[in-house]
Amino acid sequence: MSQSDNLSDIIDYSKVVETLRIPFVGSKTEKKSISKQQKDVCLKIITKLKDKKDDKGRQNAINAGVTQELSYILESRNLSKVKFPLIEAFDCITFPGDKVDFRPIIYEKYDPFPGLIRLLELKDNEMLRVVIKIIGSIINGGIKDNNSE
């Protein structure tokens, strides 16, 4: 992999969080612009993390607050305005890492279930499939069994 490829993989997660925090208000044109900006940063996350074992990338995203902001959006935004890249980026971050399973950390820090359960009302089958996958994954790996110790 060339150095330019490595540089294109670098994501400034503080800027991602800043973009995700932009209030989804304004005119139709302003909302469209906000949605595009948020979609674009999510697509960067998807490109970097999807189907990859990148513990550092996931850790950086979680520590910067990306998961928290995505959880907030999924919990509060009008369902008709929730776009697939927001859900897929969340899925990519919750994907088990190589040496670290971030699902318990995400569950304990952010409890994403209110937003995820709410998304079960979506009509888009592909989005719904990913939401169900995330819920199952977090249940499977994200909730510690305190009785097993």
C-alpha atoms as a PDB file:
ATOM      1  CA  MET A   1       0.000   0.000   0.000  1.00  0.00           C
ATOM      2  CA  SER A   2       1.421   3.376  -0.934  1.00  0.00           C
ATOM      3  CA  GLN A   3       1.821   6.254   1.456  1.00  0.00           C
ATOM      4  CA  SER A   4      -0.912   8.220  -0.325  1.00  0.00           C
ATOM      5  CA  ASP A   5      -3.307   5.312   0.295  1.00  0.00           C
ATOM      6  CA  ASN A   6      -2.433   5.408   3.988  1.00  0.00           C
ATOM      7  CA  LEU A   7      -2.989   9.164   4.121  1.00  0.00           C
ATOM      8  CA  SER A   8      -6.402   8.822   2.510  1.00  0.00           C
ATOM      9  CA  ASP A   9      -7.337   6.325   5.240  1.00  0.00           C
ATOM     10  CA  ILE A  10      -6.719   8.869   7.999  1.00  0.00           C
ATOM     11  CA  ILE A  11      -9.923  10.261   9.435  1.00  0.00           C
ATOM     12  CA  ASP A  12     -10.065  13.270  11.718  1.00  0.00           C
ATOM     13  CA  TYR A  13     -12.738  11.936  14.053  1.00  0.00           C
ATOM     14  CA  SER A  14     -13.067  15.269  15.847  1.00  0.00           C
ATOM     15  CA  LYS A  15     -14.202  16.766  12.529  1.00  0.00           C
ATOM     16  CA  VAL A  16     -16.563  13.821  12.037  1.00  0.00           C
ATOM     17  CA  VAL A  17     -18.105  14.512  15.452  1.00  0.00           C
ATOM     18  CA  GLU A  18     -18.327  18.210  14.629  1.00  0.00           C
ATOM     19  CA  THR A  19     -20.200  17.367  11.425  1.00  0.00           C
ATOM     20  CA  LEU A  20     -22.527  14.906  13.148  1.00  0.00           C
ATOM     21  CA  ARG A  21     -23.330  17.528  15.798  1.00  0.00           C
ATOM     22  CA  ILE A  22     -24.643  20.019  13.252  1.00  0.00           C
ATOM     23  CA  PRO A  23     -28.281  20.509  14.267  1.00  0.00           C
ATOM     24  CA  PHE A  24     -30.635  19.110  11.646  1.00  0.00           C
ATOM     25  CA  VAL A  25     -32.664  22.298  11.318  1.00  0.00           C
ATOM     26  CA  GLY A  26     -33.255  24.947   8.719  1.00  0.00           C
ATOM     27  CA  SER A  27     -34.745  25.166   5.278  1.00  0.00           C
ATOM     28  CA  LYS A  28     -35.113  22.157   3.019  1.00  0.00           C
ATOM     29  CA  THR A  29     -31.897  23.180   1.240  1.00  0.00           C
ATOM     30  CA  GLU A  30     -30.006  23.579   4.523  1.00  0.00           C
ATOM     31  CA  LYS A  31     -31.191  20.184   5.762  1.00  0.00           C
ATOM     32  CA  LYS A  32     -30.169  18.619   2.455  1.00  0.00           C
ATOM     33  CA  SER A  33     -26.692  20.133   2.851  1.00  0.00           C
ATOM     34  CA  ILE A  34     -26.397  18.902   6.451  1.00  0.00           C
ATOM     35  CA  SER A  35     -27.567  15.437   5.420  1.00  0.00           C
ATOM     36  CA  LYS A  36     -24.974  15.323   2.629  1.00  0.00           C
ATOM     37  CA  GLN A  37     -22.160  16.415   4.955  1.00  0.00           C
ATOM     38  CA  GLN A  38     -23.136  13.789   7.514  1.00  0.00           C
ATOM     39  CA  LYS A  39     -23.515  11.129   4.833  1.00  0.00           C
ATOM     40  CA  ASP A  40     -20.054  11.970   3.473  1.00  0.00           C
ATOM     41  CA  VAL A  41     -18.309  11.605   6.853  1.00  0.00           C
ATOM     42  CA  CYS A  42     -20.152   8.334   7.435  1.00  0.00           C
ATOM     43  CA  LEU A  43     -19.043   7.051   4.037  1.00  0.00           C
ATOM     44  CA  LYS A  44     -15.427   7.741   5.066  1.00  0.00           C
ATOM     45  CA  ILE A  45     -15.940   5.654   8.208  1.00  0.00           C
ATOM     46  CA  ILE A  46     -17.550   2.878   6.180  1.00  0.00           C
ATOM     47  CA  THR A  47     -14.687   2.869   3.684  1.00  0.00           C
ATOM     48  CA  LYS A  48     -12.120   2.736   6.471  1.00  0.00           C
ATOM     49  CA  LEU A  49     -13.757   0.158   8.745  1.00  0.00           C
ATOM     50  CA  LYS A  50     -16.190  -2.033   6.819  1.00  0.00           C
ATOM     51  CA  ASP A  51     -15.135  -5.686   6.966  1.00  0.00           C
ATOM     52  CA  LYS A  52     -11.731  -4.682   8.339  1.00  0.00           C
ATOM     53  CA  LYS A  53     -10.054  -5.494  11.620  1.00  0.00           C
ATOM     54  CA  ASP A  54      -9.028  -1.977  12.562  1.00  0.00           C
ATOM     55  CA  ASP A  55      -9.039  -1.810  16.346  1.00  0.00           C
ATOM     56  CA  LYS A  56      -7.270   1.541  16.392  1.00  0.00           C
ATOM     57  CA  GLY A  57      -9.734   3.117  13.966  1.00  0.00           C
ATOM     58  CA  ARG A  58     -12.718   1.880  15.966  1.00  0.00           C
ATOM     59  CA  GLN A  59     -11.128   2.947  19.245  1.00  0.00           C
ATOM     60  CA  ASN A  60     -10.417   6.419  17.852  1.00  0.00           C
ATOM     61  CA  ALA A  61     -13.984   6.758  16.563  1.00  0.00           C
ATOM     62  CA  ILE A  62     -15.466   5.690  19.902  1.00  0.00           C
ATOM     63  CA  ASN A  63     -13.114   7.869  21.962  1.00  0.00           C
ATOM     64  CA  ALA A  64     -13.826  10.912  19.798  1.00  0.00           C
ATOM     65  CA  GLY A  65     -17.566  10.501  20.369  1.00  0.00           C
ATOM     66  CA  VAL A  66     -18.645   9.307  16.920  1.00  0.00           C
ATOM     67  CA  THR A  67     -20.682   6.457  18.384  1.00  0.00           C
ATOM     68  CA  GLN A  68     -22.338   8.804  20.838  1.00  0.00           C
ATOM     69  CA  GLU A  69     -23.315  11.257  18.100  1.00  0.00           C
ATOM     70  CA  LEU A  70     -24.590   8.523  15.796  1.00  0.00           C
ATOM     71  CA  SER A  71     -26.615   7.070  18.688  1.00  0.00           C
ATOM     72  CA  TYR A  72     -28.112  10.489  19.348  1.00  0.00           C
ATOM     73  CA  ILE A  73     -29.035  10.954  15.685  1.00  0.00           C
ATOM     74  CA  LEU A  74     -30.566   7.481  15.451  1.00  0.00           C
ATOM     75  CA  GLU A  75     -32.540   8.142  18.615  1.00  0.00           C
ATOM     76  CA  SER A  76     -33.802  11.614  17.810  1.00  0.00           C
ATOM     77  CA  ARG A  77     -33.979  12.275  14.075  1.00  0.00           C
ATOM     78  CA  ASN A  78     -37.229  11.887  12.177  1.00  0.00           C
ATOM     79  CA  LEU A  79     -37.156   8.330  10.812  1.00  0.00           C
ATOM     80  CA  SER A  80     -37.766   9.519   7.265  1.00  0.00           C
ATOM     81  CA  LYS A  81     -34.554  11.559   7.507  1.00  0.00           C
ATOM     82  CA  VAL A  82     -32.327   8.748   8.814  1.00  0.00           C
ATOM     83  CA  LYS A  83     -30.109   7.745   5.913  1.00  0.00           C
ATOM     84  CA  PHE A  84     -28.476   4.363   5.390  1.00  0.00           C
ATOM     85  CA  PRO A  85     -24.846   5.585   5.750  1.00  0.00           C
ATOM     86  CA  LEU A  86     -25.585   6.716   9.332  1.00  0.00           C
ATOM     87  CA  ILE A  87     -26.718   3.206  10.223  1.00  0.00           C
ATOM     88  CA  GLU A  88     -23.955   1.497   8.275  1.00  0.00           C
ATOM     89  CA  ALA A  89     -21.251   3.659   9.882  1.00  0.00           C
ATOM     90  CA  PHE A  90     -22.606   2.708  13.303  1.00  0.00           C
ATOM     91  CA  ASP A  91     -22.533  -0.940  12.223  1.00  0.00           C
ATOM     92  CA  CYS A  92     -18.917  -0.652  11.066  1.00  0.00           C
ATOM     93  CA  ILE A  93     -17.832   0.817  14.397  1.00  0.00           C
ATOM     94  CA  THR A  94     -19.627  -1.898  16.381  1.00  0.00           C
ATOM     95  CA  PHE A  95     -18.084  -4.660  14.267  1.00  0.00           C
ATOM     96  CA  PRO A  96     -15.847  -6.781  16.529  1.00  0.00           C
ATOM     97  CA  GLY A  97     -12.222  -5.753  16.265  1.00  0.00           C
ATOM     98  CA  ASP A  98      -9.189  -7.968  15.856  1.00  0.00           C
ATOM     99  CA  LYS A  99      -8.033  -7.978  19.470  1.00  0.00           C
ATOM    100  CA  VAL A 100     -10.688  -5.849  21.146  1.00  0.00           C
ATOM    101  CA  ASP A 101     -14.443  -6.293  21.183  1.00  0.00           C
ATOM    102  CA  PHE A 102     -15.848  -2.782  21.352  1.00  0.00           C
ATOM    103  CA  ARG A 103     -19.481  -3.846  21.723  1.00  0.00           C
ATOM    104  CA  PRO A 104     -19.402  -3.968  25.553  1.00  0.00           C
ATOM    105  CA  ILE A 105     -17.744  -0.550  25.617  1.00  0.00           C
ATOM    106  CA  ILE A 106     -20.370   0.921  23.302  1.00  0.00           C
ATOM    107  CA  TYR A 107     -23.193  -0.659  25.284  1.00  0.00           C
ATOM    108  CA  GLU A 108     -21.870   0.502  28.651  1.00  0.00           C
ATOM    109  CA  LYS A 109     -20.980   4.028  27.544  1.00  0.00           C
ATOM    110  CA  TYR A 110     -23.852   4.876  25.227  1.00  0.00           C
ATOM    111  CA  ASP A 111     -26.664   2.292  25.487  1.00  0.00           C
ATOM    112  CA  PRO A 112     -27.583   2.496  21.804  1.00  0.00           C
ATOM    113  CA  PHE A 113     -30.724   0.389  22.200  1.00  0.00           C
ATOM    114  CA  PRO A 114     -33.285   3.237  22.417  1.00  0.00           C
ATOM    115  CA  GLY A 115     -32.258   4.537  18.994  1.00  0.00           C
ATOM    116  CA  LEU A 116     -31.815   1.089  17.478  1.00  0.00           C
ATOM    117  CA  ILE A 117     -35.166  -0.205  18.730  1.00  0.00           C
ATOM    118  CA  ARG A 118     -36.802   2.918  17.350  1.00  0.00           C
ATOM    119  CA  LEU A 119     -35.306   2.142  13.935  1.00  0.00           C
ATOM    120  CA  LEU A 120     -37.241  -1.123  13.810  1.00  0.00           C
ATOM    121  CA  GLU A 121     -40.079   1.040  12.478  1.00  0.00           C
ATOM    122  CA  LEU A 122     -38.136   1.758   9.272  1.00  0.00           C
ATOM    123  CA  LYS A 123     -39.771   0.598   6.053  1.00  0.00           C
ATOM    124  CA  ASP A 124     -36.545   0.075   4.070  1.00  0.00           C
ATOM    125  CA  ASN A 125     -35.662  -3.636   4.251  1.00  0.00           C
ATOM    126  CA  GLU A 126     -31.904  -3.153   3.795  1.00  0.00           C
ATOM    127  CA  MET A 127     -31.740  -0.569   6.571  1.00  0.00           C
ATOM    128  CA  LEU A 128     -33.900  -2.763   8.769  1.00  0.00           C
ATOM    129  CA  ARG A 129     -31.650  -5.768   8.115  1.00  0.00           C
ATOM    130  CA  VAL A 130     -28.581  -3.840   9.279  1.00  0.00           C
ATOM    131  CA  VAL A 131     -30.391  -2.500  12.359  1.00  0.00           C
ATOM    132  CA  ILE A 132     -31.406  -6.037  13.354  1.00  0.00           C
ATOM    133  CA  LYS A 133     -27.823  -7.201  12.748  1.00  0.00           C
ATOM    134  CA  ILE A 134     -26.475  -4.447  15.019  1.00  0.00           C
ATOM    135  CA  ILE A 135     -28.985  -5.217  17.769  1.00  0.00           C
ATOM    136  CA  GLY A 136     -28.139  -8.925  17.613  1.00  0.00           C
ATOM    137  CA  SER A 137     -24.429  -8.226  17.574  1.00  0.00           C
ATOM    138  CA  ILE A 138     -24.560  -5.964  20.612  1.00  0.00           C
ATOM    139  CA  ILE A 139     -26.708  -8.467  22.486  1.00  0.00           C
ATOM    140  CA  ASN A 140     -24.329 -11.261  21.493  1.00  0.00           C
ATOM    141  CA  GLY A 141     -21.091  -9.520  22.359  1.00  0.00           C
ATOM    142  CA  GLY A 142     -21.950  -6.323  24.059  1.00  0.00           C
ATOM    143  CA  ILE A 143     -23.706  -7.231  27.228  1.00  0.00           C
ATOM    144  CA  LYS A 144     -21.458  -8.698  29.876  1.00  0.00           C
ATOM    145  CA  ASP A 145     -22.797 -11.635  31.814  1.00  0.00           C
ATOM    146  CA  ASN A 146     -22.049 -10.729  35.415  1.00  0.00           C
ATOM    147  CA  ASN A 147     -23.018 -14.231  36.548  1.00  0.00           C
ATOM    148  CA  SER A 148     -20.301 -15.936  34.513  1.00  0.00           C
ATOM    149  CA  GLU A 149     -17.411 -14.769  36.666  1.00  0.00           C
END
